[in-house]
């Protein structure tokens, strides 16, 4: 079951990609959306075609996918025990990790809890070394 942050990330990602958005509460229904820009609280406003429910996803700053080196930096920070904060808005990051015990390869997904920017890194954590050979 995805967390609320993961669900919001995927809804925002689908909106910005221009893909159809399935309503998480009503099977078969779709969400229509618009981007609302205000002085201090930009957001995506999604409305269900069936239930007339609305979802609001904050988007200041706008969601983006992190670059590979940024995500590798998150893995390094995690290994050192440092705080993992979004490079864009300095909010805390939610981390999901799935490790394959046979190979030692871990699949990390980092999601900002504020702007829902995200990144994925797959590999052996001890090999995450930015700028080192």
N, C-alpha and C. Protein backbone atom coordinates (compact mmCIF):
# COMPACT_ATOMS: atom_id res chain seq x y z
N UNK A 1 0.85 -1.18 0.00
CA UNK A 1 0.00 0.00 0.00
C UNK A 1 0.89 1.24 0.00
N UNK A 2 0.75 2.11 -1.00
CA UNK A 2 1.59 3.31 -1.05
C UNK A 2 1.23 4.29 0.07
N UNK A 3 2.25 5.01 0.53
CA UNK A 3 2.01 6.03 1.55
C UNK A 3 1.29 7.22 0.90
N UNK A 4 0.82 8.12 1.73
CA UNK A 4 0.14 9.32 1.22
C UNK A 4 1.09 10.17 0.38
N UNK A 5 2.35 10.24 0.80
CA UNK A 5 3.35 11.01 0.05
C UNK A 5 3.60 10.36 -1.31
N UNK A 6 3.73 9.03 -1.34
CA UNK A 6 3.95 8.32 -2.61
C UNK A 6 2.76 8.50 -3.55
N UNK A 7 1.55 8.44 -3.00
CA UNK A 7 0.35 8.60 -3.81
C UNK A 7 0.28 10.03 -4.39
N UNK A 8 0.56 11.03 -3.58
CA UNK A 8 0.55 12.42 -4.06
C UNK A 8 1.64 12.63 -5.11
N UNK A 9 2.81 12.01 -4.90
CA UNK A 9 3.90 12.12 -5.88
C UNK A 9 3.46 11.59 -7.23
N UNK A 10 2.82 10.42 -7.24
CA UNK A 10 2.41 9.80 -8.50
C UNK A 10 1.28 10.58 -9.17
N UNK A 11 0.36 11.15 -8.39
CA UNK A 11 -0.71 11.97 -8.97
C UNK A 11 -0.12 13.23 -9.61
N UNK A 12 0.80 13.89 -8.92
CA UNK A 12 1.44 15.09 -9.48
C UNK A 12 2.27 14.74 -10.71
N UNK A 13 2.95 13.62 -10.64
CA UNK A 13 3.78 13.18 -11.78
C UNK A 13 2.92 12.94 -13.01
N UNK A 14 1.77 12.27 -12.84
CA UNK A 14 0.86 12.01 -13.96
C UNK A 14 0.28 13.32 -14.50
N UNK A 15 -0.06 14.25 -13.60
CA UNK A 15 -0.60 15.54 -14.04
C UNK A 15 0.41 16.28 -14.91
N UNK A 16 1.65 16.40 -14.44
CA UNK A 16 2.66 17.16 -15.20
C UNK A 16 3.04 16.45 -16.50
N UNK A 17 2.88 15.12 -16.55
CA UNK A 17 3.19 14.37 -17.78
C UNK A 17 2.03 14.42 -18.77
N UNK A 18 0.87 14.94 -18.34
CA UNK A 18 -0.30 15.01 -19.23
C UNK A 18 -1.00 13.68 -19.40
N UNK A 19 -0.76 12.75 -18.50
CA UNK A 19 -1.38 11.42 -18.59
C UNK A 19 -2.75 11.43 -17.91
N UNK A 20 -3.65 10.51 -18.31
CA UNK A 20 -4.92 10.40 -17.60
C UNK A 20 -4.67 9.97 -16.16
N UNK A 21 -5.44 10.52 -15.24
CA UNK A 21 -5.23 10.25 -13.82
C UNK A 21 -6.43 9.49 -13.28
N UNK A 22 -6.20 8.26 -12.82
CA UNK A 22 -7.27 7.45 -12.24
C UNK A 22 -7.56 7.94 -10.82
N UNK A 23 -8.84 8.00 -10.49
CA UNK A 23 -9.23 8.42 -9.14
C UNK A 23 -8.86 7.32 -8.15
N UNK A 24 -8.14 7.65 -7.07
CA UNK A 24 -7.75 6.61 -6.10
C UNK A 24 -8.93 6.09 -5.28
N UNK A 25 -10.06 6.81 -5.27
CA UNK A 25 -11.20 6.42 -4.44
C UNK A 25 -12.32 5.75 -5.23
N UNK A 26 -12.40 6.02 -6.54
CA UNK A 26 -13.49 5.49 -7.36
C UNK A 26 -12.92 4.74 -8.56
N UNK A 27 -12.94 3.40 -8.52
CA UNK A 27 -12.42 2.61 -9.65
C UNK A 27 -13.14 2.97 -10.95
N UNK A 28 -12.36 3.18 -12.00
CA UNK A 28 -12.92 3.50 -13.30
C UNK A 28 -13.14 4.99 -13.54
N UNK A 29 -13.10 5.79 -12.50
CA UNK A 29 -13.29 7.24 -12.65
C UNK A 29 -11.94 7.92 -12.87
N UNK A 30 -11.98 9.06 -13.53
CA UNK A 30 -10.75 9.81 -13.77
C UNK A 30 -10.82 11.17 -13.06
N UNK A 31 -9.64 11.71 -12.85
CA UNK A 31 -9.52 13.03 -12.24
C UNK A 31 -9.17 14.04 -13.33
N UNK A 32 -9.83 15.19 -13.29
CA UNK A 32 -9.44 16.29 -14.16
C UNK A 32 -8.73 17.30 -13.29
N UNK A 33 -7.73 17.93 -13.85
CA UNK A 33 -6.93 18.80 -13.00
C UNK A 33 -6.57 20.12 -13.64
N UNK A 34 -6.15 21.03 -12.78
CA UNK A 34 -5.64 22.31 -13.23
C UNK A 34 -4.57 22.77 -12.24
N UNK A 35 -3.67 23.60 -12.76
CA UNK A 35 -2.62 24.17 -11.92
C UNK A 35 -3.08 25.55 -11.50
N UNK A 36 -3.10 25.80 -10.21
CA UNK A 36 -3.54 27.08 -9.67
C UNK A 36 -2.31 27.80 -9.10
N UNK A 37 -2.03 28.97 -9.65
CA UNK A 37 -0.87 29.73 -9.21
C UNK A 37 -1.35 30.93 -8.40
N UNK A 38 -0.89 31.00 -7.16
CA UNK A 38 -1.25 32.11 -6.28
C UNK A 38 0.03 32.78 -5.80
N UNK A 39 -0.11 33.79 -4.99
CA UNK A 39 1.05 34.52 -4.50
C UNK A 39 1.97 33.64 -3.66
N UNK A 40 1.40 32.75 -2.86
CA UNK A 40 2.23 32.00 -1.93
C UNK A 40 1.93 30.50 -1.86
N UNK A 41 0.93 30.01 -2.56
CA UNK A 41 0.57 28.59 -2.40
C UNK A 41 0.14 27.96 -3.71
N UNK A 42 1.07 27.84 -4.67
CA UNK A 42 0.74 27.16 -5.93
C UNK A 42 0.34 25.73 -5.64
N UNK A 43 -0.62 25.20 -6.40
CA UNK A 43 -1.05 23.83 -6.17
C UNK A 43 -1.74 23.26 -7.41
N UNK A 44 -1.83 21.93 -7.42
CA UNK A 44 -2.60 21.22 -8.43
C UNK A 44 -3.95 20.91 -7.80
N UNK A 45 -5.00 21.19 -8.54
CA UNK A 45 -6.36 20.97 -8.06
C UNK A 45 -6.97 19.88 -8.93
N UNK A 46 -7.28 18.70 -8.35
CA UNK A 46 -7.83 17.57 -9.09
C UNK A 46 -9.25 17.30 -8.64
N UNK A 47 -10.17 17.08 -9.61
CA UNK A 47 -11.57 16.81 -9.30
C UNK A 47 -11.97 15.48 -9.91
N UNK A 48 -12.66 14.65 -9.13
CA UNK A 48 -13.13 13.34 -9.59
C UNK A 48 -14.38 13.51 -10.45
N UNK A 49 -14.43 12.79 -11.57
CA UNK A 49 -15.59 12.89 -12.46
C UNK A 49 -16.82 12.20 -11.88
N UNK A 50 -16.63 11.25 -11.01
CA UNK A 50 -17.76 10.50 -10.46
C UNK A 50 -18.19 11.02 -9.10
N UNK A 51 -17.28 11.10 -8.16
CA UNK A 51 -17.65 11.44 -6.79
C UNK A 51 -17.64 12.91 -6.46
N UNK A 52 -17.22 13.74 -7.41
CA UNK A 52 -17.13 15.19 -7.20
C UNK A 52 -16.24 15.55 -6.02
N UNK A 53 -15.31 14.65 -5.69
CA UNK A 53 -14.34 14.93 -4.64
C UNK A 53 -13.17 15.69 -5.26
N UNK A 54 -12.47 16.43 -4.43
CA UNK A 54 -11.32 17.18 -4.92
C UNK A 54 -10.08 16.84 -4.10
N UNK A 55 -8.95 16.89 -4.77
CA UNK A 55 -7.65 16.69 -4.13
C UNK A 55 -6.81 17.92 -4.44
N UNK A 56 -6.11 18.40 -3.46
CA UNK A 56 -5.21 19.54 -3.64
C UNK A 56 -3.80 19.09 -3.30
N UNK A 57 -2.89 19.29 -4.24
CA UNK A 57 -1.49 18.89 -4.05
C UNK A 57 -0.63 20.15 -4.12
N UNK A 58 0.03 20.52 -3.01
CA UNK A 58 0.89 21.71 -3.03
C UNK A 58 2.02 21.56 -4.04
N UNK A 59 2.34 22.64 -4.75
CA UNK A 59 3.38 22.58 -5.77
C UNK A 59 4.26 23.82 -5.78
N UNK A 60 4.71 24.24 -4.64
CA UNK A 60 5.70 25.31 -4.60
C UNK A 60 6.87 24.81 -3.80
N UNK A 61 7.97 24.48 -4.41
CA UNK A 61 8.23 24.55 -5.83
C UNK A 61 7.59 23.39 -6.59
N UNK A 62 7.57 23.52 -7.92
CA UNK A 62 6.96 22.51 -8.78
C UNK A 62 7.74 21.20 -8.70
N UNK A 63 7.00 20.10 -8.76
CA UNK A 63 7.61 18.76 -8.71
C UNK A 63 8.57 18.55 -9.88
N UNK A 64 9.68 17.89 -9.60
CA UNK A 64 10.62 17.48 -10.66
C UNK A 64 11.30 16.18 -10.24
N UNK A 65 11.89 15.51 -11.20
CA UNK A 65 12.68 14.31 -10.89
C UNK A 65 14.11 14.77 -10.66
N UNK A 66 14.71 14.31 -9.55
CA UNK A 66 16.08 14.68 -9.24
C UNK A 66 17.05 14.06 -10.24
N UNK A 67 18.18 14.70 -10.44
CA UNK A 67 19.24 14.16 -11.29
C UNK A 67 19.91 12.99 -10.57
N UNK A 68 20.51 12.09 -11.35
CA UNK A 68 21.14 10.88 -10.80
C UNK A 68 22.16 11.20 -9.71
N UNK A 69 22.99 12.23 -9.92
CA UNK A 69 24.01 12.57 -8.93
C UNK A 69 23.39 13.07 -7.63
N UNK A 70 22.27 13.78 -7.73
CA UNK A 70 21.60 14.25 -6.52
C UNK A 70 21.08 13.07 -5.71
N UNK A 71 20.50 12.09 -6.40
CA UNK A 71 19.95 10.93 -5.71
C UNK A 71 21.07 10.10 -5.10
N UNK A 72 22.18 9.98 -5.81
CA UNK A 72 23.33 9.26 -5.26
C UNK A 72 23.85 9.98 -4.01
N UNK A 73 23.76 11.30 -4.01
CA UNK A 73 24.13 12.08 -2.83
C UNK A 73 23.22 11.77 -1.65
N UNK A 74 21.93 11.55 -1.91
CA UNK A 74 21.01 11.16 -0.84
C UNK A 74 21.45 9.83 -0.22
N UNK A 75 21.88 8.89 -1.07
CA UNK A 75 22.33 7.58 -0.58
C UNK A 75 23.57 7.76 0.30
N UNK A 76 24.50 8.60 -0.14
CA UNK A 76 25.70 8.88 0.68
C UNK A 76 25.31 9.51 2.01
N UNK A 77 24.40 10.47 1.98
CA UNK A 77 23.94 11.11 3.22
C UNK A 77 23.30 10.09 4.16
N UNK A 78 22.54 9.18 3.60
CA UNK A 78 21.89 8.14 4.38
C UNK A 78 22.93 7.26 5.07
N UNK A 79 23.99 6.91 4.34
CA UNK A 79 25.05 6.07 4.90
C UNK A 79 25.81 6.77 6.03
N UNK A 80 26.00 8.08 5.89
CA UNK A 80 26.71 8.84 6.92
C UNK A 80 25.83 9.19 8.10
N UNK A 81 24.53 9.00 7.95
CA UNK A 81 23.60 9.36 9.03
C UNK A 81 23.21 10.82 9.02
N UNK A 82 23.48 11.50 7.90
CA UNK A 82 23.12 12.92 7.77
C UNK A 82 21.63 13.06 7.52
N UNK A 83 21.12 14.25 7.77
CA UNK A 83 19.72 14.55 7.44
C UNK A 83 19.58 14.55 5.92
N UNK A 84 18.48 14.02 5.45
CA UNK A 84 18.22 13.99 4.01
C UNK A 84 17.12 15.01 3.74
N UNK A 85 17.53 16.12 3.12
CA UNK A 85 16.60 17.21 2.83
C UNK A 85 16.53 17.45 1.33
N UNK A 86 15.37 17.89 0.88
CA UNK A 86 15.16 18.20 -0.52
C UNK A 86 16.10 19.33 -0.95
N UNK A 87 16.73 19.16 -2.10
CA UNK A 87 17.63 20.19 -2.62
C UNK A 87 16.86 21.44 -3.04
N UNK A 88 15.57 21.29 -3.30
CA UNK A 88 14.78 22.41 -3.82
C UNK A 88 14.12 23.24 -2.74
N UNK A 89 13.52 22.58 -1.72
CA UNK A 89 12.75 23.34 -0.73
C UNK A 89 13.19 23.07 0.71
N UNK A 90 14.19 22.23 0.90
CA UNK A 90 14.77 21.92 2.22
C UNK A 90 13.81 21.19 3.15
N UNK A 91 12.77 20.55 2.61
CA UNK A 91 11.86 19.75 3.43
C UNK A 91 12.44 18.35 3.60
N UNK A 92 11.94 17.62 4.59
CA UNK A 92 12.41 16.26 4.82
C UNK A 92 12.00 15.35 3.66
N UNK A 93 12.85 14.36 3.42
CA UNK A 93 12.60 13.39 2.36
C UNK A 93 12.09 12.09 2.97
N UNK A 94 11.11 11.47 2.30
CA UNK A 94 10.65 10.15 2.69
C UNK A 94 11.47 9.15 1.88
N UNK A 95 12.00 8.13 2.54
CA UNK A 95 12.86 7.15 1.88
C UNK A 95 12.21 5.78 1.90
N UNK A 96 12.13 5.15 0.73
CA UNK A 96 11.66 3.77 0.63
C UNK A 96 12.82 2.95 0.07
N UNK A 97 13.15 1.85 0.72
CA UNK A 97 14.28 1.01 0.29
C UNK A 97 13.85 -0.44 0.24
N UNK A 98 14.19 -1.10 -0.88
CA UNK A 98 13.93 -2.53 -1.03
C UNK A 98 15.26 -3.19 -1.34
N UNK A 99 15.73 -4.03 -0.41
CA UNK A 99 17.03 -4.66 -0.57
C UNK A 99 16.87 -6.10 -1.03
N UNK A 100 17.71 -6.50 -1.98
CA UNK A 100 17.78 -7.89 -2.40
C UNK A 100 18.90 -8.53 -1.58
N UNK A 101 18.57 -9.38 -0.59
CA UNK A 101 19.61 -9.93 0.29
C UNK A 101 20.62 -10.82 -0.44
N UNK A 102 20.23 -11.40 -1.56
CA UNK A 102 21.15 -12.29 -2.29
C UNK A 102 22.24 -11.52 -3.01
N UNK A 103 21.88 -10.37 -3.60
CA UNK A 103 22.85 -9.62 -4.39
C UNK A 103 23.42 -8.41 -3.66
N UNK A 104 22.74 -7.96 -2.61
CA UNK A 104 23.18 -6.77 -1.88
C UNK A 104 22.78 -5.48 -2.56
N UNK A 105 22.00 -5.58 -3.64
CA UNK A 105 21.54 -4.40 -4.38
C UNK A 105 20.29 -3.86 -3.70
N UNK A 106 20.26 -2.55 -3.49
CA UNK A 106 19.12 -1.90 -2.86
C UNK A 106 18.49 -0.91 -3.83
N UNK A 107 17.17 -0.91 -3.89
CA UNK A 107 16.40 0.01 -4.73
C UNK A 107 15.84 1.10 -3.81
N UNK A 108 16.39 2.31 -3.92
CA UNK A 108 15.96 3.44 -3.09
C UNK A 108 15.05 4.36 -3.90
N UNK A 109 13.99 4.84 -3.27
CA UNK A 109 13.17 5.91 -3.83
C UNK A 109 13.06 7.00 -2.78
N UNK A 110 13.45 8.21 -3.15
CA UNK A 110 13.41 9.36 -2.25
C UNK A 110 12.32 10.30 -2.74
N UNK A 111 11.43 10.72 -1.83
CA UNK A 111 10.34 11.63 -2.19
C UNK A 111 10.29 12.78 -1.19
N UNK A 112 10.24 14.00 -1.70
CA UNK A 112 10.11 15.17 -0.84
C UNK A 112 8.69 15.22 -0.28
N UNK A 113 8.57 15.47 1.00
CA UNK A 113 7.25 15.50 1.63
C UNK A 113 6.52 16.83 1.40
N UNK A 114 7.21 17.79 0.79
CA UNK A 114 6.57 19.09 0.53
C UNK A 114 6.26 19.31 -0.94
N UNK A 115 7.27 19.22 -1.81
CA UNK A 115 7.04 19.50 -3.24
C UNK A 115 6.86 18.22 -4.06
N UNK A 116 7.03 17.06 -3.43
CA UNK A 116 6.85 15.75 -4.06
C UNK A 116 7.84 15.47 -5.19
N UNK A 117 8.95 16.23 -5.22
CA UNK A 117 10.02 15.89 -6.15
C UNK A 117 10.59 14.55 -5.71
N UNK A 118 11.14 13.80 -6.65
CA UNK A 118 11.53 12.43 -6.32
C UNK A 118 12.73 11.99 -7.16
N UNK A 119 13.32 10.88 -6.70
CA UNK A 119 14.42 10.28 -7.43
C UNK A 119 14.60 8.83 -7.01
N UNK A 120 15.18 8.04 -7.90
CA UNK A 120 15.36 6.60 -7.64
C UNK A 120 16.81 6.25 -7.91
N UNK A 121 17.37 5.40 -7.04
CA UNK A 121 18.74 4.93 -7.20
C UNK A 121 18.76 3.44 -6.90
N UNK A 122 19.38 2.65 -7.78
CA UNK A 122 19.49 1.21 -7.59
C UNK A 122 20.96 0.83 -7.64
N UNK A 123 21.42 0.12 -6.61
CA UNK A 123 22.81 -0.32 -6.58
C UNK A 123 23.21 -0.75 -5.19
N UNK A 124 24.50 -1.01 -5.02
CA UNK A 124 25.03 -1.36 -3.71
C UNK A 124 25.36 -0.05 -2.99
N UNK A 125 24.75 0.17 -1.83
CA UNK A 125 24.92 1.45 -1.14
C UNK A 125 26.38 1.84 -0.89
N UNK A 126 27.23 0.87 -0.62
CA UNK A 126 28.63 1.19 -0.33
C UNK A 126 29.37 1.72 -1.57
N UNK A 127 28.79 1.55 -2.76
CA UNK A 127 29.42 2.04 -3.98
C UNK A 127 28.96 3.45 -4.35
N UNK A 128 28.08 4.04 -3.57
CA UNK A 128 27.60 5.40 -3.83
C UNK A 128 28.69 6.38 -3.43
N UNK A 129 29.43 6.87 -4.38
CA UNK A 129 30.53 7.79 -4.12
C UNK A 129 30.52 8.86 -5.20
N UNK A 130 30.09 10.03 -4.87
CA UNK A 130 30.03 11.12 -5.84
C UNK A 130 31.41 11.73 -5.99
N UNK A 131 31.85 11.86 -7.23
CA UNK A 131 33.12 12.52 -7.51
C UNK A 131 34.35 11.73 -7.12
N UNK A 132 34.21 10.45 -6.81
CA UNK A 132 35.36 9.62 -6.45
C UNK A 132 35.44 8.44 -7.40
N UNK A 133 36.65 8.03 -7.71
CA UNK A 133 36.84 6.87 -8.61
C UNK A 133 36.87 5.58 -7.84
